N, C-alpha and C. Protein backbone atom coordinates (compact mmCIF):
# COMPACT_ATOMS: atom_id res chain seq x y z
N UNK A 1 58.16 -116.37 -102.76
CA UNK A 1 56.87 -116.04 -102.12
C UNK A 1 56.02 -117.09 -102.26
N UNK A 2 55.28 -117.70 -101.28
CA UNK A 2 54.46 -118.91 -101.52
C UNK A 2 53.14 -118.12 -101.97
N UNK A 3 52.50 -119.11 -102.88
CA UNK A 3 51.38 -118.61 -103.62
C UNK A 3 50.05 -119.74 -103.20
N UNK A 4 48.85 -119.24 -103.09
CA UNK A 4 48.04 -120.03 -102.89
C UNK A 4 47.04 -119.99 -104.15
N UNK A 5 46.59 -121.06 -104.50
CA UNK A 5 45.31 -120.99 -105.66
C UNK A 5 44.36 -121.75 -105.18
N UNK A 6 43.09 -121.24 -105.15
CA UNK A 6 41.83 -121.57 -104.85
C UNK A 6 41.20 -122.30 -106.10
N UNK A 7 40.28 -123.40 -106.01
CA UNK A 7 39.42 -123.91 -106.88
C UNK A 7 38.46 -124.37 -106.67
N UNK A 8 37.36 -124.75 -107.21
CA UNK A 8 36.13 -125.71 -106.70
C UNK A 8 34.92 -124.83 -106.67
N UNK A 9 34.72 -123.42 -106.56
CA UNK A 9 33.85 -122.41 -106.40
C UNK A 9 32.75 -122.87 -107.40
N UNK A 10 31.57 -122.33 -107.23
CA UNK A 10 30.48 -122.23 -108.31
C UNK A 10 29.32 -121.90 -107.70
N UNK A 11 28.33 -122.17 -108.43
CA UNK A 11 26.73 -122.05 -108.14
C UNK A 11 25.96 -123.48 -107.81
N UNK A 12 25.57 -123.40 -106.74
CA UNK A 12 25.07 -124.70 -106.24
C UNK A 12 23.38 -124.44 -105.36
N UNK A 13 22.75 -125.41 -105.34
CA UNK A 13 21.33 -125.20 -105.06
C UNK A 13 21.49 -125.33 -103.42
N UNK A 14 20.68 -124.86 -102.82
CA UNK A 14 20.37 -125.00 -101.25
C UNK A 14 20.40 -126.69 -100.74
N UNK A 15 21.09 -126.94 -99.98
CA UNK A 15 21.16 -128.40 -99.35
C UNK A 15 22.22 -129.06 -100.13
N UNK A 16 22.79 -128.47 -101.45
CA UNK A 16 24.07 -129.19 -102.13
C UNK A 16 25.10 -129.24 -101.46
N UNK A 17 26.14 -129.38 -102.33
CA UNK A 17 27.77 -129.63 -101.38
C UNK A 17 28.62 -129.11 -102.91
N UNK A 18 29.55 -128.85 -102.25
CA UNK A 18 30.93 -128.32 -103.10
C UNK A 18 32.11 -128.73 -102.03
N UNK A 19 33.30 -128.83 -102.86
CA UNK A 19 34.61 -129.16 -102.38
C UNK A 19 35.51 -128.11 -102.79
N UNK A 20 35.69 -127.11 -101.96
CA UNK A 20 37.04 -126.27 -102.30
C UNK A 20 38.48 -126.92 -102.24
N UNK A 21 39.37 -126.09 -103.17
CA UNK A 21 40.69 -126.51 -103.04
C UNK A 21 41.57 -125.34 -102.89
N UNK A 22 42.85 -125.60 -102.27
CA UNK A 22 43.99 -124.66 -102.12
C UNK A 22 45.24 -125.33 -102.38
N UNK A 23 45.60 -125.07 -103.45
CA UNK A 23 46.96 -125.74 -103.83
C UNK A 23 48.07 -124.62 -103.61
N UNK A 24 48.98 -125.02 -102.86
CA UNK A 24 50.37 -124.30 -102.37
C UNK A 24 51.13 -124.70 -103.30
N UNK A 25 52.35 -123.47 -103.77
CA UNK A 25 53.07 -123.42 -104.69
C UNK A 25 54.48 -124.27 -104.12
N UNK A 26 54.55 -124.51 -102.94
CA UNK A 26 55.55 -125.18 -102.42
C UNK A 26 54.99 -125.93 -101.23
N UNK A 27 55.86 -127.04 -100.75
CA UNK A 27 55.45 -128.10 -99.89
C UNK A 27 55.49 -127.12 -98.28
N UNK A 28 54.57 -126.64 -98.00
CA UNK A 28 54.26 -125.93 -96.68
C UNK A 28 53.05 -126.55 -96.02
N UNK A 29 52.12 -127.12 -96.98
CA UNK A 29 50.97 -127.21 -96.03
C UNK A 29 51.07 -128.11 -94.84
N UNK A 30 51.48 -129.31 -94.83
CA UNK A 30 51.78 -130.15 -93.96
C UNK A 30 52.40 -129.53 -92.81
N UNK A 31 53.21 -128.24 -92.55
CA UNK A 31 53.87 -127.63 -91.51
C UNK A 31 53.35 -126.60 -90.92
N UNK A 32 52.14 -125.93 -91.55
CA UNK A 32 51.88 -124.61 -91.16
C UNK A 32 50.50 -124.70 -91.03
N UNK A 33 49.77 -123.84 -90.17
CA UNK A 33 48.39 -123.42 -89.94
C UNK A 33 47.67 -123.16 -91.28
N UNK A 34 46.52 -123.89 -91.66
CA UNK A 34 46.03 -123.37 -92.92
C UNK A 34 44.60 -123.13 -92.51
N UNK A 35 43.84 -122.15 -93.27
CA UNK A 35 42.52 -121.47 -92.94
C UNK A 35 41.83 -121.31 -94.08
N UNK A 36 40.50 -121.24 -94.09
CA UNK A 36 39.49 -120.96 -95.04
C UNK A 36 38.83 -119.75 -94.16
N UNK A 37 38.86 -118.55 -94.99
CA UNK A 37 37.95 -117.46 -94.53
C UNK A 37 36.97 -117.14 -95.93
N UNK A 38 36.09 -116.34 -95.38
CA UNK A 38 35.01 -115.84 -96.38
C UNK A 38 34.51 -114.77 -96.31
N UNK A 39 33.94 -113.98 -97.48
CA UNK A 39 33.72 -112.62 -97.18
C UNK A 39 32.22 -112.41 -98.13
N UNK A 40 31.09 -112.31 -97.38
CA UNK A 40 29.77 -112.12 -98.07
C UNK A 40 29.82 -110.61 -98.31
N UNK A 41 28.57 -110.44 -99.38
CA UNK A 41 28.42 -109.03 -99.81
C UNK A 41 27.98 -108.24 -98.78
N UNK A 42 28.68 -107.07 -98.41
CA UNK A 42 28.36 -106.30 -97.31
C UNK A 42 29.03 -106.52 -96.09
N UNK A 43 29.71 -107.68 -96.07
CA UNK A 43 29.93 -108.19 -94.62
C UNK A 43 31.68 -108.14 -94.39
N UNK A 44 32.15 -108.33 -93.50
CA UNK A 44 33.52 -108.36 -93.30
C UNK A 44 33.76 -109.94 -93.33
N UNK A 45 35.33 -109.86 -93.82
CA UNK A 45 35.69 -111.18 -93.92
C UNK A 45 35.68 -111.86 -92.50
N UNK A 46 35.54 -113.26 -92.40
CA UNK A 46 35.46 -114.08 -91.33
C UNK A 46 36.02 -115.33 -91.49
N UNK A 47 36.44 -115.85 -90.14
CA UNK A 47 37.19 -117.14 -90.18
C UNK A 47 36.27 -118.03 -90.33
N UNK A 48 36.17 -119.17 -91.56
CA UNK A 48 35.33 -120.48 -91.30
C UNK A 48 36.02 -121.61 -90.67
N UNK A 49 37.21 -121.90 -91.08
CA UNK A 49 37.74 -123.43 -90.56
C UNK A 49 39.23 -123.07 -90.25
N UNK A 50 40.07 -123.87 -89.78
CA UNK A 50 41.17 -123.92 -89.57
C UNK A 50 41.83 -125.06 -89.06
N UNK A 51 43.02 -125.47 -89.59
CA UNK A 51 43.54 -126.85 -89.52
C UNK A 51 45.01 -126.41 -88.97
N UNK A 52 45.49 -126.90 -87.71
CA UNK A 52 46.81 -126.63 -87.57
C UNK A 52 47.72 -128.00 -88.03
N UNK A 53 49.16 -127.92 -87.90
CA UNK A 53 50.19 -128.65 -88.29
C UNK A 53 49.80 -130.05 -87.70
N UNK A 54 49.38 -129.94 -86.34
CA UNK A 54 49.15 -131.26 -85.71
C UNK A 54 47.92 -132.07 -85.96
N UNK A 55 46.93 -131.29 -86.71
CA UNK A 55 45.71 -132.01 -86.96
C UNK A 55 44.35 -131.63 -86.36
N UNK A 56 44.79 -130.53 -85.20
CA UNK A 56 43.65 -129.85 -84.65
C UNK A 56 42.83 -129.20 -85.65
N UNK A 57 41.41 -128.87 -85.47
CA UNK A 57 40.60 -128.06 -86.09
C UNK A 57 39.82 -127.28 -85.56
N UNK A 58 39.21 -126.27 -86.16
CA UNK A 58 38.29 -125.14 -85.62
C UNK A 58 37.43 -124.88 -86.64
N UNK A 59 36.23 -124.64 -86.31
CA UNK A 59 35.12 -124.24 -87.15
C UNK A 59 34.13 -123.14 -86.57
N UNK A 60 33.73 -122.23 -87.32
CA UNK A 60 32.92 -121.27 -87.04
C UNK A 60 31.63 -121.92 -86.78
N UNK A 61 30.60 -121.44 -85.81
CA UNK A 61 29.38 -121.95 -85.24
C UNK A 61 28.55 -122.30 -86.57
N UNK A 62 28.72 -121.17 -87.07
CA UNK A 62 27.54 -121.11 -88.36
C UNK A 62 27.98 -122.38 -89.26
N UNK A 63 28.86 -123.07 -89.26
CA UNK A 63 29.33 -124.11 -90.53
C UNK A 63 29.48 -125.38 -89.65
N UNK A 64 29.86 -125.56 -88.46
CA UNK A 64 30.16 -126.73 -87.58
C UNK A 64 29.07 -127.86 -88.02
N UNK A 65 29.38 -128.94 -88.51
CA UNK A 65 28.63 -129.90 -88.53
C UNK A 65 28.14 -130.17 -90.19
N UNK A 66 28.50 -129.32 -90.90
CA UNK A 66 28.55 -129.18 -92.31
C UNK A 66 29.73 -129.08 -93.06
N UNK A 67 30.59 -128.21 -92.55
CA UNK A 67 31.90 -128.19 -93.43
C UNK A 67 32.92 -128.93 -92.63
N UNK A 68 33.93 -129.34 -93.69
CA UNK A 68 35.04 -130.04 -93.00
C UNK A 68 36.31 -129.48 -93.59
N UNK A 69 37.34 -129.28 -93.07
CA UNK A 69 38.65 -128.87 -93.48
C UNK A 69 39.86 -130.24 -93.40
N UNK A 70 40.18 -130.22 -94.49
CA UNK A 70 41.39 -131.31 -94.29
C UNK A 70 42.60 -130.83 -95.37
N UNK A 71 43.55 -131.96 -95.42
CA UNK A 71 44.53 -131.54 -96.12
C UNK A 71 45.19 -133.03 -96.81
N UNK A 72 45.71 -132.87 -97.84
CA UNK A 72 46.60 -133.79 -98.66
C UNK A 72 47.92 -133.39 -98.56
N UNK A 73 48.66 -133.67 -97.86
CA UNK A 73 50.37 -133.43 -97.60
C UNK A 73 50.99 -133.86 -98.95
N UNK A 74 50.67 -135.03 -99.42
CA UNK A 74 51.63 -135.53 -100.73
C UNK A 74 51.15 -134.51 -101.99
N UNK A 75 49.98 -134.07 -102.13
CA UNK A 75 49.72 -132.94 -103.03
C UNK A 75 49.73 -131.53 -102.63
N UNK A 76 49.93 -131.20 -101.20
CA UNK A 76 50.29 -129.60 -100.86
C UNK A 76 49.08 -128.87 -101.23
N UNK A 77 47.74 -129.63 -100.58
CA UNK A 77 46.51 -129.17 -101.02
C UNK A 77 45.55 -129.25 -99.76
N UNK A 78 44.93 -128.08 -99.57
CA UNK A 78 43.79 -127.97 -98.36
C UNK A 78 42.64 -128.09 -98.99
N UNK A 79 41.65 -128.66 -98.46
CA UNK A 79 40.35 -128.62 -98.91
C UNK A 79 39.22 -128.46 -97.72
N UNK A 80 38.28 -127.83 -98.34
CA UNK A 80 37.01 -127.30 -97.60
C UNK A 80 35.89 -128.29 -98.07
N UNK A 81 35.50 -129.31 -97.50
CA UNK A 81 34.12 -129.82 -97.88
C UNK A 81 33.00 -129.12 -97.33
N UNK A 82 31.99 -128.81 -98.32
CA UNK A 82 30.79 -127.99 -97.61
C UNK A 82 29.58 -128.65 -98.21
N UNK A 83 28.91 -129.24 -97.14
CA UNK A 83 27.76 -130.00 -97.42
C UNK A 83 26.45 -129.13 -96.89
N UNK A 84 25.27 -129.40 -96.80
CA UNK A 84 24.03 -128.86 -96.56
C UNK A 84 24.06 -127.29 -96.94
N UNK A 85 24.62 -126.75 -97.90
CA UNK A 85 25.00 -125.47 -97.97
C UNK A 85 23.51 -124.66 -98.02
N UNK A 86 23.73 -123.37 -97.64
CA UNK A 86 22.73 -122.67 -97.29
C UNK A 86 22.77 -121.22 -97.94
N UNK A 87 21.76 -120.44 -98.40
CA UNK A 87 22.13 -119.23 -99.07
C UNK A 87 22.95 -118.14 -98.17
N UNK A 88 22.85 -118.26 -96.91
CA UNK A 88 23.96 -117.38 -96.37
C UNK A 88 25.29 -117.90 -96.16
N UNK A 89 25.63 -118.87 -97.03
CA UNK A 89 26.90 -119.57 -97.23
C UNK A 89 27.60 -118.75 -98.33
N UNK A 90 26.70 -117.89 -99.30
CA UNK A 90 27.25 -117.44 -100.32
C UNK A 90 28.36 -116.19 -99.85
N UNK A 91 29.28 -116.47 -100.60
CA UNK A 91 30.52 -115.43 -100.49
C UNK A 91 31.86 -115.67 -101.24
N UNK A 92 32.90 -115.07 -101.18
CA UNK A 92 34.11 -115.30 -101.59
C UNK A 92 34.87 -116.05 -100.79
N UNK A 93 35.43 -117.23 -100.72
CA UNK A 93 36.01 -117.89 -100.09
C UNK A 93 37.59 -117.79 -100.47
N UNK A 94 38.46 -117.59 -99.23
CA UNK A 94 39.82 -117.17 -99.27
C UNK A 94 40.51 -118.42 -98.52
N UNK A 95 41.64 -118.89 -99.15
CA UNK A 95 42.67 -119.50 -98.45
C UNK A 95 43.64 -118.81 -97.75
N UNK A 96 44.24 -119.39 -96.93
CA UNK A 96 45.06 -118.60 -95.81
C UNK A 96 46.35 -119.30 -95.09
N UNK A 97 47.36 -119.10 -95.17
CA UNK A 97 48.26 -119.77 -94.27
C UNK A 97 49.17 -118.79 -93.34
N UNK A 98 49.20 -119.43 -92.39
CA UNK A 98 50.01 -118.63 -91.35
C UNK A 98 51.14 -119.53 -90.63
N UNK A 99 52.33 -118.78 -90.57
CA UNK A 99 53.41 -119.38 -90.09
C UNK A 99 54.37 -118.41 -89.35
N UNK A 100 54.13 -118.45 -88.00
CA UNK A 100 54.91 -117.19 -87.33
C UNK A 100 54.10 -115.82 -87.89
N UNK A 101 55.24 -115.17 -88.09
CA UNK A 101 54.75 -113.55 -88.76
C UNK A 101 54.52 -113.79 -90.18
N UNK A 102 54.78 -114.94 -91.05
CA UNK A 102 54.57 -114.87 -92.44
C UNK A 102 53.02 -115.37 -92.71
N UNK A 103 52.07 -114.56 -93.48
CA UNK A 103 50.91 -114.99 -93.64
C UNK A 103 50.83 -114.79 -95.27
N UNK A 104 49.82 -115.65 -95.99
CA UNK A 104 49.54 -115.82 -97.28
C UNK A 104 48.33 -115.91 -97.50
N UNK A 105 47.70 -115.13 -98.49
CA UNK A 105 46.25 -115.27 -98.93
C UNK A 105 46.19 -115.72 -100.35
N UNK A 106 45.21 -116.33 -100.75
CA UNK A 106 44.89 -116.75 -102.09
C UNK A 106 43.87 -115.75 -102.56
N UNK A 107 43.60 -115.86 -103.97
CA UNK A 107 42.94 -115.02 -104.66
C UNK A 107 41.31 -114.92 -104.47
N UNK A 108 40.98 -116.01 -103.80
CA UNK A 108 39.63 -116.32 -103.64
C UNK A 108 38.88 -116.88 -104.62
N UNK A 109 37.76 -117.57 -104.40
CA UNK A 109 36.73 -118.37 -105.44
C UNK A 109 35.41 -118.09 -104.73
N UNK A 110 34.59 -117.76 -105.70
CA UNK A 110 33.40 -117.62 -105.56
C UNK A 110 32.29 -118.72 -105.29
N UNK A 111 31.46 -118.84 -104.16
CA UNK A 111 30.60 -119.82 -103.86
C UNK A 111 29.02 -119.03 -103.83
N UNK A 112 28.22 -119.36 -104.74
CA UNK A 112 26.80 -119.00 -104.74
C UNK A 112 25.79 -119.99 -104.27
N UNK A 113 24.89 -119.93 -103.43
CA UNK A 113 24.03 -120.62 -103.02
C UNK A 113 22.74 -120.36 -103.39
N UNK A 114 22.23 -120.74 -104.34
CA UNK A 114 20.72 -119.93 -104.81
C UNK A 114 19.99 -121.25 -105.62
N UNK A 115 18.41 -120.91 -105.39
CA UNK A 115 17.70 -121.80 -106.11
C UNK A 115 17.38 -121.22 -107.30
């Protein structure tokens, strides 16, 4: 089974930046669709960003222009660079991999944006 491990979350002030990392247990990042989701308190889980194997990307309107998804195939790791953070970005962020019918979720990492 593929395992995804997120890291890089924490407490940051509004306007600050964080970079989340998602490390896969095997070499799948280059050949599958990778995504970041988030779930805020009292809200449903939502798609934040996605990168396909060919390099195309998608961003939710709420984060477009502030967040960037990328990957390092050599390290088998996907990143989410988050800039200009807002309190409404506070959530648990989850890494997600999708390949056909197979799906994999990370355990999540907490991001808190507060002054």
